[in-house]
N, C-alpha and C. Protein backbone atom coordinates (compact mmCIF):
# COMPACT_ATOMS: atom_id res chain seq x y z
N MET A 1 104.12 125.98 101.93
CA MET A 1 104.40 124.69 102.51
C MET A 1 105.62 124.12 101.82
N LEU A 2 106.52 123.55 102.59
CA LEU A 2 107.76 122.97 102.08
C LEU A 2 107.62 121.46 101.99
N TYR A 3 108.06 120.87 100.88
CA TYR A 3 108.07 119.43 100.67
C TYR A 3 109.51 119.01 100.36
N THR A 4 110.00 117.99 101.04
CA THR A 4 111.39 117.57 100.87
C THR A 4 111.47 116.09 100.54
N ASN A 5 112.69 115.64 100.21
CA ASN A 5 112.98 114.23 99.95
C ASN A 5 112.11 113.66 98.84
N ALA A 6 112.14 114.33 97.70
CA ALA A 6 111.36 113.90 96.54
C ALA A 6 112.30 113.67 95.36
N ILE A 7 111.79 113.02 94.35
CA ILE A 7 112.49 112.91 93.08
C ILE A 7 111.67 113.75 92.10
N LEU A 8 112.23 114.88 91.68
CA LEU A 8 111.51 115.86 90.87
C LEU A 8 111.82 115.71 89.39
N PHE A 9 110.80 115.82 88.57
CA PHE A 9 111.02 115.85 87.12
C PHE A 9 111.29 117.29 86.72
N THR A 10 112.44 117.52 86.09
CA THR A 10 112.83 118.86 85.65
C THR A 10 113.20 118.81 84.17
N PRO A 11 113.39 119.95 83.52
CA PRO A 11 113.84 119.93 82.12
C PRO A 11 115.17 119.19 81.94
N ALA A 12 115.96 119.11 83.00
CA ALA A 12 117.25 118.41 82.93
C ALA A 12 117.14 116.92 83.28
N GLY A 13 115.94 116.45 83.58
CA GLY A 13 115.73 115.06 83.98
C GLY A 13 115.31 114.99 85.44
N PHE A 14 115.40 113.80 86.01
CA PHE A 14 115.00 113.61 87.41
C PHE A 14 116.10 114.05 88.35
N VAL A 15 115.72 114.78 89.40
CA VAL A 15 116.65 115.33 90.39
C VAL A 15 116.07 115.09 91.77
N ARG A 16 116.92 114.64 92.71
CA ARG A 16 116.46 114.50 94.10
C ARG A 16 116.49 115.87 94.73
N GLY A 17 115.39 116.26 95.38
CA GLY A 17 115.32 117.57 96.02
C GLY A 17 113.95 117.80 96.65
N GLY A 18 113.45 119.01 96.51
CA GLY A 18 112.17 119.35 97.09
C GLY A 18 111.60 120.60 96.45
N PHE A 19 110.51 121.07 97.02
CA PHE A 19 109.85 122.24 96.46
C PHE A 19 108.99 122.91 97.52
N ALA A 20 108.63 124.15 97.24
CA ALA A 20 107.73 124.90 98.10
C ALA A 20 106.49 125.26 97.30
N VAL A 21 105.34 125.24 97.96
CA VAL A 21 104.07 125.61 97.34
C VAL A 21 103.50 126.80 98.09
N GLU A 22 103.12 127.81 97.34
CA GLU A 22 102.48 129.00 97.92
C GLU A 22 101.28 129.36 97.06
N GLY A 23 100.15 129.54 97.68
CA GLY A 23 98.94 129.89 96.93
C GLY A 23 98.54 128.85 95.91
N GLY A 24 98.83 127.57 96.19
CA GLY A 24 98.44 126.50 95.28
C GLY A 24 99.35 126.34 94.08
N ARG A 25 100.50 127.03 94.07
CA ARG A 25 101.43 126.96 92.93
C ARG A 25 102.84 126.67 93.42
N PHE A 26 103.63 126.06 92.54
CA PHE A 26 105.04 125.86 92.85
C PHE A 26 105.71 127.22 92.96
N ALA A 27 106.29 127.51 94.10
CA ALA A 27 106.98 128.78 94.30
C ALA A 27 108.49 128.61 94.15
N GLU A 28 108.99 127.40 94.43
CA GLU A 28 110.43 127.14 94.38
C GLU A 28 110.66 125.64 94.24
N MET A 29 111.68 125.28 93.47
CA MET A 29 112.16 123.91 93.40
C MET A 29 113.64 123.95 93.73
N PHE A 30 114.13 122.95 94.45
CA PHE A 30 115.54 122.95 94.81
C PHE A 30 116.09 121.53 94.77
N ALA A 31 117.37 121.44 94.45
CA ALA A 31 118.08 120.16 94.48
C ALA A 31 118.70 119.98 95.86
N GLY A 32 118.88 118.74 96.26
CA GLY A 32 119.53 118.45 97.52
C GLY A 32 118.55 118.38 98.69
N GLU A 33 119.10 118.48 99.88
CA GLU A 33 118.30 118.31 101.09
C GLU A 33 118.06 119.63 101.81
N ARG A 34 116.94 119.72 102.48
CA ARG A 34 116.61 120.80 103.40
C ARG A 34 115.89 120.19 104.59
N SER A 35 116.01 120.84 105.72
CA SER A 35 115.31 120.33 106.91
C SER A 35 113.93 120.94 107.00
N GLY A 36 113.04 120.23 107.71
CA GLY A 36 111.68 120.71 107.89
C GLY A 36 110.78 120.31 106.74
N GLY A 37 109.56 120.74 106.83
CA GLY A 37 108.60 120.45 105.77
C GLY A 37 108.07 119.03 105.83
N VAL A 38 107.38 118.65 104.79
CA VAL A 38 106.77 117.33 104.66
C VAL A 38 107.75 116.42 103.92
N ASP A 39 108.15 115.32 104.54
CA ASP A 39 109.07 114.37 103.93
C ASP A 39 108.26 113.47 102.98
N LEU A 40 108.57 113.54 101.69
CA LEU A 40 107.84 112.75 100.70
C LEU A 40 108.41 111.35 100.50
N GLY A 41 109.45 111.01 101.25
CA GLY A 41 109.97 109.64 101.24
C GLY A 41 110.44 109.15 99.89
N GLY A 42 110.97 110.03 99.05
CA GLY A 42 111.47 109.62 97.74
C GLY A 42 110.41 109.49 96.67
N ALA A 43 109.21 109.99 96.92
CA ALA A 43 108.13 109.93 95.91
C ALA A 43 108.50 110.75 94.69
N MET A 44 108.07 110.29 93.51
CA MET A 44 108.33 111.03 92.28
C MET A 44 107.27 112.11 92.13
N VAL A 45 107.72 113.31 91.78
CA VAL A 45 106.82 114.46 91.58
C VAL A 45 106.94 114.89 90.13
N ILE A 46 105.84 114.76 89.40
CA ILE A 46 105.83 115.11 87.98
C ILE A 46 104.67 116.07 87.76
N PRO A 47 104.92 117.38 87.81
CA PRO A 47 103.84 118.36 87.66
C PRO A 47 103.07 118.19 86.36
N GLY A 48 101.76 118.27 86.47
CA GLY A 48 100.91 118.21 85.29
C GLY A 48 100.51 116.82 84.86
N LEU A 49 101.07 115.78 85.47
CA LEU A 49 100.71 114.41 85.10
C LEU A 49 99.40 114.04 85.77
N VAL A 50 98.42 113.66 84.96
CA VAL A 50 97.13 113.25 85.48
C VAL A 50 96.84 111.86 84.92
N ASP A 51 96.62 110.91 85.81
CA ASP A 51 96.34 109.53 85.40
C ASP A 51 94.82 109.39 85.27
N ILE A 52 94.34 109.24 84.03
CA ILE A 52 92.89 109.19 83.82
C ILE A 52 92.39 107.78 83.49
N HIS A 53 93.25 106.78 83.63
CA HIS A 53 92.79 105.44 83.25
C HIS A 53 91.83 104.89 84.30
N THR A 54 90.95 104.03 83.84
CA THR A 54 89.98 103.39 84.72
C THR A 54 89.70 101.98 84.20
N HIS A 55 89.25 101.12 85.08
CA HIS A 55 88.90 99.76 84.69
C HIS A 55 87.40 99.58 84.59
N GLY A 56 86.67 100.57 85.07
CA GLY A 56 85.22 100.47 85.02
C GLY A 56 84.58 101.53 85.88
N ALA A 57 83.25 101.50 85.90
CA ALA A 57 82.47 102.44 86.71
C ALA A 57 81.02 101.97 86.71
N ALA A 58 80.25 102.48 87.65
CA ALA A 58 78.80 102.23 87.70
C ALA A 58 78.46 100.74 87.70
N GLY A 59 79.31 99.94 88.36
CA GLY A 59 79.04 98.51 88.46
C GLY A 59 79.40 97.70 87.22
N ALA A 60 80.12 98.31 86.28
CA ALA A 60 80.52 97.61 85.06
C ALA A 60 82.03 97.68 84.91
N ASP A 61 82.58 96.80 84.07
CA ASP A 61 84.01 96.74 83.84
C ASP A 61 84.27 96.72 82.33
N PHE A 62 85.27 97.47 81.87
CA PHE A 62 85.57 97.50 80.45
C PHE A 62 85.96 96.13 79.91
N SER A 63 86.50 95.27 80.76
CA SER A 63 86.92 93.94 80.34
C SER A 63 85.75 93.04 79.98
N ASP A 64 84.56 93.37 80.45
CA ASP A 64 83.39 92.53 80.19
C ASP A 64 82.96 92.54 78.73
N GLY A 65 83.18 93.65 78.03
CA GLY A 65 82.74 93.75 76.64
C GLY A 65 81.23 93.77 76.51
N ASP A 66 80.54 94.12 77.57
CA ASP A 66 79.08 94.15 77.59
C ASP A 66 78.58 95.52 77.12
N ASP A 67 77.75 95.54 76.08
CA ASP A 67 77.25 96.79 75.52
C ASP A 67 76.49 97.62 76.57
N GLY A 68 75.66 96.97 77.37
CA GLY A 68 74.92 97.69 78.40
C GLY A 68 75.85 98.30 79.44
N GLY A 69 76.90 97.56 79.82
CA GLY A 69 77.87 98.07 80.77
C GLY A 69 78.62 99.26 80.20
N LEU A 70 79.00 99.19 78.94
CA LEU A 70 79.69 100.32 78.30
C LEU A 70 78.81 101.55 78.28
N ARG A 71 77.53 101.38 78.02
CA ARG A 71 76.62 102.51 78.02
C ARG A 71 76.45 103.10 79.42
N ARG A 72 76.37 102.25 80.45
CA ARG A 72 76.28 102.74 81.86
C ARG A 72 77.54 103.52 82.24
N MET A 73 78.70 102.98 81.86
CA MET A 73 79.94 103.70 82.20
C MET A 73 80.02 105.04 81.47
N ALA A 74 79.62 105.07 80.21
CA ALA A 74 79.66 106.33 79.44
C ALA A 74 78.71 107.35 80.05
N ALA A 75 77.55 106.90 80.49
CA ALA A 75 76.58 107.82 81.09
C ALA A 75 77.07 108.34 82.45
N PHE A 76 77.79 107.46 83.18
CA PHE A 76 78.32 107.82 84.48
C PHE A 76 79.35 108.92 84.35
């Protein structure tokens, strides 16, 4: 699958271009434009970045400072 019109993070910094995915892996990255594929509309692509932050879970919020809520979230 081809993805175009992205801002890619590379060892040289951010580059406008696209990439191809085959078998669930990056098969090719390229700078510049290509026709076809899925237009990502300038979205930033940073391989390996996983956002794990959360504000709460299981009906509780970390901002509450409630011991019972913290235990429910940890168990969840």
